[in-house]
Protein backbone atom coordinates (compact mmCIF):
# COMPACT_ATOMS: atom_id res chain seq x y z
CA MET A 1 -6.84 173.43 86.00
CA ASP A 2 -3.74 171.27 85.58
CA ASP A 3 -4.42 170.90 81.86
CA LYS A 4 -4.25 174.70 81.46
CA ILE A 5 -0.77 174.94 82.99
CA PRO A 6 1.87 175.05 80.22
CA ASP A 7 4.46 172.30 80.18
CA LYS A 8 7.55 174.15 81.37
CA LEU A 9 9.78 173.97 84.40
CA PHE A 10 9.56 177.46 85.84
CA PHE A 11 7.02 180.27 85.84
CA LYS A 12 7.43 183.93 86.74
CA ILE A 13 5.09 185.50 89.24
CA GLY A 14 3.12 187.31 86.52
CA GLU A 15 2.51 184.03 84.71
CA VAL A 16 1.34 182.39 87.93
CA ALA A 17 -0.98 185.31 88.63
CA ALA A 18 -2.51 184.99 85.16
CA LEU A 19 -2.86 181.20 85.40
CA THR A 20 -4.42 181.15 88.86
CA GLY A 21 -6.33 184.43 89.02
CA VAL A 22 -4.45 185.43 92.18
CA LYS A 23 -2.77 188.85 92.11
CA ALA A 24 1.01 189.04 92.37
CA HIS A 25 0.96 190.97 95.67
CA VAL A 26 -1.24 188.24 97.17
CA LEU A 27 1.17 185.57 95.94
CA ARG A 28 4.08 187.41 97.58
CA TYR A 29 2.11 187.65 100.82
CA TRP A 30 1.20 183.96 100.77
CA GLU A 31 4.84 183.16 100.10
CA SER A 32 5.75 184.94 103.35
CA GLU A 33 2.94 183.27 105.34
CA PHE A 34 3.11 179.64 104.17
CA VAL A 35 6.32 177.70 104.72
CA GLN A 36 5.26 175.22 102.03
CA PHE A 37 6.45 177.69 99.39
CA ARG A 38 10.10 177.05 98.62
CA LEU A 39 10.62 179.21 95.59
CA LYS A 40 13.88 179.48 93.76
CA LYS A 41 15.14 182.81 92.53
CA SER A 42 16.85 183.46 89.24
CA THR A 43 20.16 185.26 89.01
CA SER A 44 18.15 188.44 88.39
CA ASN A 45 16.32 187.72 91.69
CA GLN A 46 12.98 186.86 90.05
CA ARG A 47 10.78 184.33 91.80
CA LEU A 48 10.61 181.01 89.95
CA TYR A 49 7.49 178.97 90.60
CA ARG A 50 7.36 175.26 89.77
CA ARG A 51 4.23 173.29 88.92
CA LYS A 52 3.92 172.10 92.54
CA ASP A 53 4.01 175.75 93.67
CA ILE A 54 1.16 176.54 91.27
CA ASP A 55 -0.76 173.57 92.64
CA LEU A 56 -0.24 174.98 96.14
CA VAL A 57 -1.51 178.40 95.01
CA LEU A 58 -4.62 176.76 93.58
CA LEU A 59 -5.16 174.79 96.79
CA LEU A 60 -4.79 177.93 98.92
CA LYS A 61 -7.12 179.85 96.64
CA ASP A 62 -9.72 177.13 97.11
CA LEU A 63 -9.25 176.95 100.88
CA LEU A 64 -9.31 180.71 101.43
CA TYR A 65 -11.73 181.97 98.78
CA GLU A 66 -14.08 179.05 98.15
CA GLN A 67 -14.16 177.16 101.45
CA GLY A 68 -13.85 180.24 103.65
CA PHE A 69 -10.83 179.20 105.71
CA THR A 70 -8.87 181.84 107.60
CA LEU A 71 -5.11 182.04 107.08
CA ALA A 72 -4.58 180.19 110.37
CA GLY A 73 -7.14 177.57 109.37
CA ALA A 74 -5.52 177.08 105.96
CA LYS A 75 -2.10 176.69 107.60
CA LYS A 76 -3.50 174.07 109.96
CA LYS A 77 -5.24 172.26 107.09
CA LEU A 78 -2.01 172.14 105.06
CA ASP A 79 -0.06 170.89 108.08
CA GLU A 80 -2.62 168.14 108.69
CA GLY A 81 -2.71 167.13 105.04
CA GLY A 82 1.02 166.57 104.78
CA ALA A 83 1.29 169.07 101.94
CA ASP A 84 4.86 169.84 102.94
CA ASP A 85 6.53 167.21 100.78
CA ALA A 86 8.66 169.68 98.86
CA GLU A 87 12.37 169.27 98.40
CA PRO A 88 14.72 170.87 100.90
CA GLU A 89 15.62 174.52 100.38
CA THR A 90 19.23 173.63 99.71
CA GLU A 91 18.33 171.70 96.56
CA ALA A 92 20.71 172.73 93.78
CA PHE A 93 19.62 173.21 90.20
CA SER A 94 20.45 170.14 88.16
CA GLY A 95 22.30 170.48 84.87
CA LYS A 96 19.13 169.84 82.84
CA VAL A 97 17.14 172.38 84.85
CA CYS A 98 19.83 175.02 84.31
CA ARG A 99 20.05 174.25 80.61
CA ASP A 100 16.26 174.43 80.17
CA LEU A 101 16.11 177.68 82.09
CA LEU A 102 18.92 179.19 80.02
CA LEU A 103 17.21 178.13 76.79
CA GLU A 104 13.98 179.75 77.92
CA ILE A 105 15.82 182.96 78.85
CA ARG A 106 17.58 182.98 75.49
CA GLU A 107 14.27 182.72 73.64
CA GLU A 108 12.81 185.56 75.70
CA LEU A 109 15.86 187.72 74.98
CA ARG A 110 15.59 186.99 71.26
CA ALA A 111 11.92 187.97 71.28
CA LEU A 112 12.79 191.18 73.13
CA ARG A 113 15.60 191.98 70.70
CA ASN A 114 13.29 191.39 67.72
CA SER A 115 10.60 193.63 69.19
CA ILE A 116 13.16 196.40 69.77
CA GLN A 117 14.57 196.08 66.26
CA THR A 118 11.12 196.27 64.64
CA SER A 119 9.93 199.30 66.63
CA PRO A 120 10.12 202.67 64.86
């Protein structure tokens, strides 16, 4: 599945849902249940998933849906596997990350502006 994940730094929850086949409300629930998720939020308070977060979603999907683990069993499995190697929550955005995120936002705003200008 890794080869189907676009090469970008951050993904919105809708993109993650489409990539993984897990509904957004399930992703939000998992985020509250599994401490391994350390999502950033944009200035507009949107969740920003990184590639490692998508990998975690895919792992959870496999554990819960394919292997039949319960939530408690999946938590225990993740704890045993040392899957909690994420950066600390206080990690600040680096200059390059901020710049890349701003460039992506600018492109999305341009596309939105163009779609508004071309509508009747």
